C-alpha atoms as a PDB file:
ATOM      1  CA  MET A   1     -51.570   2.202 -44.551  1.00  0.00           C
ATOM      2  CA  ASN A   2     -49.173   0.838 -41.919  1.00  0.00           C
ATOM      3  CA  GLN A   3     -45.643   0.371 -43.140  1.00  0.00           C
ATOM      4  CA  GLU A   4     -44.346  -3.167 -42.694  1.00  0.00           C
ATOM      5  CA  ILE A   5     -41.856  -3.513 -39.834  1.00  0.00           C
ATOM      6  CA  LYS A   6     -38.502  -4.815 -41.040  1.00  0.00           C
ATOM      7  CA  PRO A   7     -35.928  -6.779 -39.011  1.00  0.00           C
ATOM      8  CA  GLU A   8     -33.514  -3.883 -39.538  1.00  0.00           C
ATOM      9  CA  ASP A   9     -35.955  -1.652 -37.654  1.00  0.00           C
ATOM     10  CA  PHE A  10     -35.620  -3.842 -34.579  1.00  0.00           C
ATOM     11  CA  VAL A  11     -31.815  -3.740 -34.868  1.00  0.00           C
ATOM     12  CA  LEU A  12     -31.959   0.059 -34.880  1.00  0.00           C
ATOM     13  CA  GLU A  13     -34.288  -0.059 -31.883  1.00  0.00           C
ATOM     14  CA  ALA A  14     -31.866  -2.419 -30.131  1.00  0.00           C
ATOM     15  CA  THR A  15     -28.990  -0.019 -30.802  1.00  0.00           C
ATOM     16  CA  GLU A  16     -30.901   2.790 -29.122  1.00  0.00           C
ATOM     17  CA  TYR A  17     -31.560   0.616 -26.063  1.00  0.00           C
ATOM     18  CA  TYR A  18     -27.902  -0.465 -26.009  1.00  0.00           C
ATOM     19  CA  TYR A  19     -26.623   3.106 -25.806  1.00  0.00           C
ATOM     20  CA  LYS A  20     -29.137   3.833 -23.065  1.00  0.00           C
ATOM     21  CA  GLY A  21     -27.671   0.937 -21.087  1.00  0.00           C
ATOM     22  CA  ASP A  22     -30.884  -1.112 -21.240  1.00  0.00           C
ATOM     23  CA  PHE A  23     -29.279  -4.385 -22.257  1.00  0.00           C
ATOM     24  CA  LYS A  24     -32.244  -6.606 -21.434  1.00  0.00           C
ATOM     25  CA  GLN A  25     -34.419  -4.629 -23.829  1.00  0.00           C
ATOM     26  CA  THR A  26     -31.576  -4.653 -26.369  1.00  0.00           C
ATOM     27  CA  ILE A  27     -31.653  -8.450 -26.424  1.00  0.00           C
ATOM     28  CA  GLU A  28     -35.445  -8.482 -26.692  1.00  0.00           C
ATOM     29  CA  SER A  29     -35.358  -6.178 -29.733  1.00  0.00           C
ATOM     30  CA  LEU A  30     -32.645  -8.262 -31.394  1.00  0.00           C
ATOM     31  CA  ASP A  31     -34.689 -11.396 -30.769  1.00  0.00           C
ATOM     32  CA  LYS A  32     -37.585  -9.736 -32.579  1.00  0.00           C
ATOM     33  CA  ALA A  33     -35.290  -9.028 -35.534  1.00  0.00           C
ATOM     34  CA  ILE A  34     -34.132 -12.647 -35.548  1.00  0.00           C
ATOM     35  CA  ALA A  35     -37.715 -13.927 -35.314  1.00  0.00           C
ATOM     36  CA  LEU A  36     -38.439 -12.076 -38.571  1.00  0.00           C
ATOM     37  CA  LYS A  37     -35.104 -13.023 -40.162  1.00  0.00           C
ATOM     38  CA  PRO A  38     -33.406 -16.026 -38.502  1.00  0.00           C
ATOM     39  CA  ASP A  39     -30.345 -15.761 -40.774  1.00  0.00           C
ATOM     40  CA  PHE A  40     -29.649 -12.121 -39.802  1.00  0.00           C
ATOM     41  CA  ALA A  41     -25.935 -12.388 -38.997  1.00  0.00           C
ATOM     42  CA  GLN A  42     -25.592  -8.805 -37.762  1.00  0.00           C
ATOM     43  CA  ALA A  43     -28.407  -9.283 -35.259  1.00  0.00           C
ATOM     44  CA  TRP A  44     -26.678 -12.370 -33.840  1.00  0.00           C
ATOM     45  CA  TYR A  45     -23.372 -10.449 -33.736  1.00  0.00           C
ATOM     46  CA  ASN A  46     -25.034  -7.560 -31.900  1.00  0.00           C
ATOM     47  CA  LYS A  47     -26.515 -10.034 -29.428  1.00  0.00           C
ATOM     48  CA  ALA A  48     -23.019 -11.332 -28.745  1.00  0.00           C
ATOM     49  CA  ILE A  49     -21.702  -7.812 -28.143  1.00  0.00           C
ATOM     50  CA  THR A  50     -24.565  -7.153 -25.724  1.00  0.00           C
ATOM     51  CA  TYR A  51     -24.041 -10.441 -23.887  1.00  0.00           C
ATOM     52  CA  SER A  52     -20.370  -9.493 -23.528  1.00  0.00           C
ATOM     53  CA  VAL A  53     -21.287  -6.259 -21.741  1.00  0.00           C
ATOM     54  CA  MET A  54     -23.746  -8.209 -19.561  1.00  0.00           C
ATOM     55  CA  GLY A  55     -21.061 -10.749 -18.633  1.00  0.00           C
ATOM     56  CA  HIS A  56     -22.990 -13.684 -20.146  1.00  0.00           C
ATOM     57  CA  LEU A  57     -19.936 -15.396 -21.611  1.00  0.00           C
ATOM     58  CA  GLN A  58     -21.466 -18.633 -22.908  1.00  0.00           C
ATOM     59  CA  ASP A  59     -24.378 -16.791 -24.531  1.00  0.00           C
ATOM     60  CA  GLU A  60     -21.832 -14.442 -26.113  1.00  0.00           C
ATOM     61  CA  ILE A  61     -19.834 -17.313 -27.603  1.00  0.00           C
ATOM     62  CA  GLU A  62     -22.949 -19.078 -28.897  1.00  0.00           C
ATOM     63  CA  SER A  63     -24.203 -15.885 -30.543  1.00  0.00           C
ATOM     64  CA  TYR A  64     -20.894 -15.353 -32.339  1.00  0.00           C
ATOM     65  CA  GLU A  65     -21.040 -18.971 -33.480  1.00  0.00           C
ATOM     66  CA  LYS A  66     -24.503 -18.407 -34.903  1.00  0.00           C
ATOM     67  CA  ALA A  67     -23.344 -15.278 -36.749  1.00  0.00           C
ATOM     68  CA  ILE A  68     -20.406 -17.230 -38.204  1.00  0.00           C
ATOM     69  CA  GLU A  69     -22.625 -20.175 -39.158  1.00  0.00           C
ATOM     70  CA  ILE A  70     -24.765 -17.763 -41.193  1.00  0.00           C
ATOM     71  CA  GLN A  71     -21.853 -15.704 -42.543  1.00  0.00           C
ATOM     72  CA  PRO A  72     -18.587 -17.702 -42.512  1.00  0.00           C
ATOM     73  CA  ASP A  73     -16.528 -14.732 -43.758  1.00  0.00           C
ATOM     74  CA  TYR A  74     -17.549 -12.505 -40.802  1.00  0.00           C
ATOM     75  CA  ALA A  75     -14.029 -11.530 -39.692  1.00  0.00           C
ATOM     76  CA  GLU A  76     -15.182  -9.411 -36.744  1.00  0.00           C
ATOM     77  CA  ALA A  77     -17.234 -12.296 -35.366  1.00  0.00           C
ATOM     78  CA  TRP A  78     -14.264 -14.668 -35.642  1.00  0.00           C
ATOM     79  CA  SER A  79     -11.989 -12.190 -33.862  1.00  0.00           C
ATOM     80  CA  ASN A  80     -14.480 -11.375 -31.113  1.00  0.00           C
ATOM     81  CA  LYS A  81     -15.241 -15.048 -30.612  1.00  0.00           C
ATOM     82  CA  ALA A  82     -11.491 -15.523 -30.067  1.00  0.00           C
ATOM     83  CA  SER A  83     -11.543 -12.866 -27.346  1.00  0.00           C
ATOM     84  CA  ALA A  84     -14.534 -14.523 -25.665  1.00  0.00           C
ATOM     85  CA  LEU A  85     -12.915 -17.960 -25.819  1.00  0.00           C
ATOM     86  CA  GLY A  86      -9.785 -16.469 -24.257  1.00  0.00           C
ATOM     87  CA  ARG A  87     -11.870 -15.147 -21.365  1.00  0.00           C
ATOM     88  CA  ALA A  88     -13.438 -18.599 -21.075  1.00  0.00           C
ATOM     89  CA  GLY A  89      -9.985 -20.177 -20.618  1.00  0.00           C
ATOM     90  CA  ARG A  90      -9.977 -21.838 -24.043  1.00  0.00           C
ATOM     91  CA  PRO A  91      -6.815 -20.380 -25.661  1.00  0.00           C
ATOM     92  CA  GLU A  92      -6.276 -23.145 -28.249  1.00  0.00           C
ATOM     93  CA  GLU A  93      -9.725 -22.574 -29.726  1.00  0.00           C
ATOM     94  CA  ALA A  94      -9.237 -18.812 -29.456  1.00  0.00           C
ATOM     95  CA  LEU A  95      -6.020 -19.062 -31.467  1.00  0.00           C
ATOM     96  CA  GLU A  96      -7.820 -21.001 -34.215  1.00  0.00           C
ATOM     97  CA  CYS A  97     -10.438 -18.242 -34.419  1.00  0.00           C
ATOM     98  CA  THR A  98      -7.805 -15.505 -34.736  1.00  0.00           C
ATOM     99  CA  GLU A  99      -6.154 -17.445 -37.552  1.00  0.00           C
ATOM    100  CA  LYS A 100      -9.484 -17.586 -39.365  1.00  0.00           C
ATOM    101  CA  ALA A 101     -10.094 -13.859 -38.838  1.00  0.00           C
ATOM    102  CA  LEU A 102      -6.622 -13.048 -40.200  1.00  0.00           C
ATOM    103  CA  GLU A 103      -7.091 -15.377 -43.150  1.00  0.00           C
ATOM    104  CA  LEU A 104     -10.166 -13.307 -44.018  1.00  0.00           C
ATOM    105  CA  ARG A 105      -8.525  -9.944 -43.233  1.00  0.00           C
ATOM    106  CA  PRO A 106      -4.716  -9.974 -42.946  1.00  0.00           C
ATOM    107  CA  SER A 107      -4.531  -6.327 -41.818  1.00  0.00           C
ATOM    108  CA  PHE A 108      -6.982  -6.737 -38.934  1.00  0.00           C
ATOM    109  CA  ALA A 109      -5.153  -5.160 -35.976  1.00  0.00           C
ATOM    110  CA  ILE A 110      -7.631  -6.376 -33.341  1.00  0.00           C
ATOM    111  CA  ALA A 111      -7.312  -9.950 -34.575  1.00  0.00           C
ATOM    112  CA  TRP A 112      -3.506  -9.718 -34.366  1.00  0.00           C
ATOM    113  CA  CYS A 113      -3.822  -8.467 -30.790  1.00  0.00           C
ATOM    114  CA  ASN A 114      -6.234 -11.284 -29.938  1.00  0.00           C
ATOM    115  CA  LYS A 115      -3.805 -13.746 -31.505  1.00  0.00           C
ATOM    116  CA  GLY A 116      -1.063 -12.386 -29.267  1.00  0.00           C
ATOM    117  CA  ALA A 117      -3.264 -12.816 -26.197  1.00  0.00           C
ATOM    118  CA  SER A 118      -4.027 -16.425 -27.164  1.00  0.00           C
ATOM    119  CA  LEU A 119      -0.349 -17.203 -27.721  1.00  0.00           C
ATOM    120  CA  SER A 120       0.609 -15.603 -24.413  1.00  0.00           C
ATOM    121  CA  SER A 121      -2.018 -17.690 -22.602  1.00  0.00           C
ATOM    122  CA  LEU A 122      -0.372 -20.758 -24.126  1.00  0.00           C
ATOM    123  CA  GLY A 123       3.044 -19.666 -22.808  1.00  0.00           C
ATOM    124  CA  ARG A 124       4.251 -18.691 -26.283  1.00  0.00           C
ATOM    125  CA  ASP A 125       5.255 -15.120 -25.458  1.00  0.00           C
ATOM    126  CA  LEU A 126       7.901 -14.723 -28.159  1.00  0.00           C
ATOM    127  CA  GLU A 127       5.272 -15.449 -30.804  1.00  0.00           C
ATOM    128  CA  ALA A 128       2.814 -13.278 -28.914  1.00  0.00           C
ATOM    129  CA  ILE A 129       5.180 -10.311 -29.138  1.00  0.00           C
ATOM    130  CA  GLU A 130       5.413 -10.789 -32.908  1.00  0.00           C
ATOM    131  CA  ALA A 131       1.617 -10.692 -33.120  1.00  0.00           C
ATOM    132  CA  TYR A 132       1.411  -7.552 -30.967  1.00  0.00           C
ATOM    133  CA  GLU A 133       4.073  -5.895 -33.112  1.00  0.00           C
ATOM    134  CA  LYS A 134       2.048  -6.720 -36.206  1.00  0.00           C
ATOM    135  CA  ALA A 135      -1.005  -5.081 -34.594  1.00  0.00           C
ATOM    136  CA  ILE A 136       1.089  -1.993 -33.753  1.00  0.00           C
ATOM    137  CA  GLU A 137       2.503  -1.893 -37.286  1.00  0.00           C
ATOM    138  CA  ILE A 138      -1.085  -1.650 -38.559  1.00  0.00           C
ATOM    139  CA  GLU A 139      -2.322   0.685 -35.816  1.00  0.00           C
ATOM    140  CA  GLU A 140       0.561   2.600 -34.234  1.00  0.00           C
ATOM    141  CA  ASN A 141      -1.324   3.835 -31.167  1.00  0.00           C
ATOM    142  CA  TYR A 142      -3.037   0.556 -30.296  1.00  0.00           C
ATOM    143  CA  LEU A 143      -3.065   0.835 -26.505  1.00  0.00           C
ATOM    144  CA  GLU A 144      -3.988  -2.782 -25.705  1.00  0.00           C
ATOM    145  CA  ALA A 145      -1.305  -4.119 -28.036  1.00  0.00           C
ATOM    146  CA  TRP A 146       1.392  -1.974 -26.372  1.00  0.00           C
ATOM    147  CA  PHE A 147       0.269  -3.021 -22.897  1.00  0.00           C
ATOM    148  CA  ASN A 148       0.059  -6.711 -23.817  1.00  0.00           C
ATOM    149  CA  LYS A 149       3.456  -6.542 -25.512  1.00  0.00           C
ATOM    150  CA  ALA A 150       4.857  -5.150 -22.255  1.00  0.00           C
ATOM    151  CA  VAL A 151       3.300  -8.021 -20.299  1.00  0.00           C
ATOM    152  CA  SER A 152       4.826 -10.617 -22.631  1.00  0.00           C
ATOM    153  CA  LEU A 153       8.240  -8.939 -22.408  1.00  0.00           C
ATOM    154  CA  HIS A 154       7.797  -8.928 -18.625  1.00  0.00           C
ATOM    155  CA  ASN A 155       7.001 -12.655 -18.751  1.00  0.00           C
ATOM    156  CA  LEU A 156      10.173 -13.239 -20.744  1.00  0.00           C
ATOM    157  CA  GLU A 157      12.191 -11.356 -18.090  1.00  0.00           C
ATOM    158  CA  LYS A 158      13.179  -8.514 -20.396  1.00  0.00           C
ATOM    159  CA  PRO A 159      12.512  -5.655 -17.956  1.00  0.00           C
ATOM    160  CA  LYS A 160      14.041  -2.776 -19.901  1.00  0.00           C
ATOM    161  CA  ASN A 161      12.139  -3.663 -23.067  1.00  0.00           C
ATOM    162  CA  ALA A 162       8.972  -4.165 -21.039  1.00  0.00           C
ATOM    163  CA  ILE A 163       9.382  -0.723 -19.441  1.00  0.00           C
ATOM    164  CA  GLU A 164       9.670   0.858 -22.900  1.00  0.00           C
ATOM    165  CA  ALA A 165       6.384  -0.748 -23.923  1.00  0.00           C
ATOM    166  CA  TYR A 166       4.700   0.305 -20.672  1.00  0.00           C
ATOM    167  CA  ASN A 167       6.018   3.824 -21.299  1.00  0.00           C
ATOM    168  CA  LYS A 168       4.162   3.879 -24.610  1.00  0.00           C
ATOM    169  CA  ALA A 169       0.979   2.521 -23.025  1.00  0.00           C
ATOM    170  CA  ILE A 170       1.126   5.245 -20.360  1.00  0.00           C
ATOM    171  CA  GLU A 171       1.831   7.891 -22.998  1.00  0.00           C
ATOM    172  CA  LEU A 172      -1.356   6.770 -24.772  1.00  0.00           C
ATOM    173  CA  ASN A 173      -3.340   6.599 -21.524  1.00  0.00           C
ATOM    174  CA  PRO A 174      -1.818   8.617 -18.662  1.00  0.00           C
ATOM    175  CA  ASN A 175      -4.405   7.134 -16.261  1.00  0.00           C
ATOM    176  CA  TYR A 176      -3.596   3.480 -16.960  1.00  0.00           C
ATOM    177  CA  ALA A 177      -3.294   2.278 -13.371  1.00  0.00           C
ATOM    178  CA  GLU A 178      -2.313  -1.297 -14.205  1.00  0.00           C
ATOM    179  CA  ALA A 179       0.505  -0.107 -16.446  1.00  0.00           C
ATOM    180  CA  TYR A 180       1.926   2.050 -13.628  1.00  0.00           C
ATOM    181  CA  PHE A 181       1.556  -0.858 -11.207  1.00  0.00           C
ATOM    182  CA  ASN A 182       3.338  -3.317 -13.489  1.00  0.00           C
ATOM    183  CA  ARG A 183       6.078  -0.812 -14.309  1.00  0.00           C
ATOM    184  CA  ALA A 184       6.598  -0.247 -10.564  1.00  0.00           C
ATOM    185  CA  GLY A 185       7.382  -3.928 -10.204  1.00  0.00           C
ATOM    186  CA  LEU A 186       9.924  -3.758 -12.990  1.00  0.00           C
ATOM    187  CA  PHE A 187      11.637  -0.667 -11.537  1.00  0.00           C
ATOM    188  CA  LEU A 188      11.796  -2.480  -8.211  1.00  0.00           C
ATOM    189  CA  TYR A 189      13.368  -5.491  -9.939  1.00  0.00           C
ATOM    190  CA  LEU A 190      15.975  -3.117 -11.431  1.00  0.00           C
ATOM    191  CA  ASN A 191      16.521  -1.637  -7.934  1.00  0.00           C
ATOM    192  CA  ASP A 192      15.300   1.808  -8.978  1.00  0.00           C
ATOM    193  CA  LEU A 193      13.312   2.349  -5.785  1.00  0.00           C
ATOM    194  CA  GLU A 194      12.475   5.999  -6.417  1.00  0.00           C
ATOM    195  CA  LYS A 195      10.784   5.320  -9.763  1.00  0.00           C
ATOM    196  CA  ALA A 196       9.128   2.191  -8.385  1.00  0.00           C
ATOM    197  CA  LYS A 197       7.576   4.160  -5.541  1.00  0.00           C
ATOM    198  CA  LEU A 198       6.410   6.956  -7.832  1.00  0.00           C
ATOM    199  CA  ASP A 199       4.703   4.460 -10.128  1.00  0.00           C
ATOM    200  CA  LEU A 200       3.081   2.534  -7.299  1.00  0.00           C
ATOM    201  CA  ASP A 201       1.787   5.757  -5.729  1.00  0.00           C
ATOM    202  CA  LYS A 202       0.391   6.803  -9.108  1.00  0.00           C
ATOM    203  CA  ALA A 203      -1.336   3.438  -9.621  1.00  0.00           C
ATOM    204  CA  ILE A 204      -2.933   3.620  -6.164  1.00  0.00           C
ATOM    205  CA  MET A 205      -3.985   7.236  -6.695  1.00  0.00           C
ATOM    206  CA  ILE A 206      -5.810   6.243  -9.906  1.00  0.00           C
ATOM    207  CA  ASP A 207      -7.223   2.985  -8.531  1.00  0.00           C
ATOM    208  CA  SER A 208      -7.103   2.415  -4.778  1.00  0.00           C
ATOM    209  CA  SER A 209      -7.579  -1.365  -5.195  1.00  0.00           C
ATOM    210  CA  PHE A 210      -3.916  -1.599  -6.172  1.00  0.00           C
ATOM    211  CA  LYS A 211      -2.960  -0.758  -2.584  1.00  0.00           C
ATOM    212  CA  GLN A 212      -4.360  -4.078  -1.348  1.00  0.00           C
ATOM    213  CA  ILE A 213      -2.636  -5.913  -4.190  1.00  0.00           C
ATOM    214  CA  ALA A 214       0.671  -4.265  -3.260  1.00  0.00           C
ATOM    215  CA  LEU A 215       0.208  -5.052   0.437  1.00  0.00           C
ATOM    216  CA  ALA A 216      -0.120  -8.722  -0.493  1.00  0.00           C
ATOM    217  CA  ASP A 217       3.282  -8.605  -2.211  1.00  0.00           C
ATOM    218  CA  GLU A 218       6.273  -8.809   0.124  1.00  0.00           C
ATOM    219  CA  THR A 219       8.455  -6.658  -2.125  1.00  0.00           C
ATOM    220  CA  LEU A 220       5.949  -4.036  -3.221  1.00  0.00           C
ATOM    221  CA  MET A 221       4.562  -3.501   0.268  1.00  0.00           C
ATOM    222  CA  THR A 222       7.871  -1.962   1.313  1.00  0.00           C
ATOM    223  CA  LEU A 223       7.192   0.929  -1.083  1.00  0.00           C
ATOM    224  CA  ILE A 224       3.905   1.949   0.508  1.00  0.00           C
ATOM    225  CA  SER A 225       4.188   5.042   2.683  1.00  0.00           C
END
């Protein structure tokens, strides 16, 4: 006797396709799960994750919304929707979503980091730094939070504090090209040309695209050999 296929079986199938990099088939399997169980919040959430990797931003947002409609206390969906809305240039809505995620789970480091990103996009970098620090308090080695904190400190023209945060980001990821590039700019601002050049060279060595970015900057281009 054939065993009845369950929607969860299609989610497992979708997961296998996802890790193989076959995102089109991933979506098809998740759609089969949803056809059997339209109120399957996890399947909608997984669709959103897959759409994110595919770069289908609006589909991603709509899938998170569907997951939340089915399961209003889905903290991960609220937080990820915030990230997607931020990428869509909708920081006010993104901030509202992070608040909801944190209401559901106050110790949710990713949601705190997403809140910081939303606040920074709104020009509220002091508040953003507080949010990043909360994320770091929860998860000490949270690379994105350290990097974003550095960017907000940079925005607030606090170069020495920003360098300290970039230092931590680079300690956590020694191949973080953008962190080296940004720190080079700060060392240049502080007139430490030797360190600025070392950082810029390191950024370009890791990611050659930073050379063109530097050449387009009148100050940084002077550091290129």
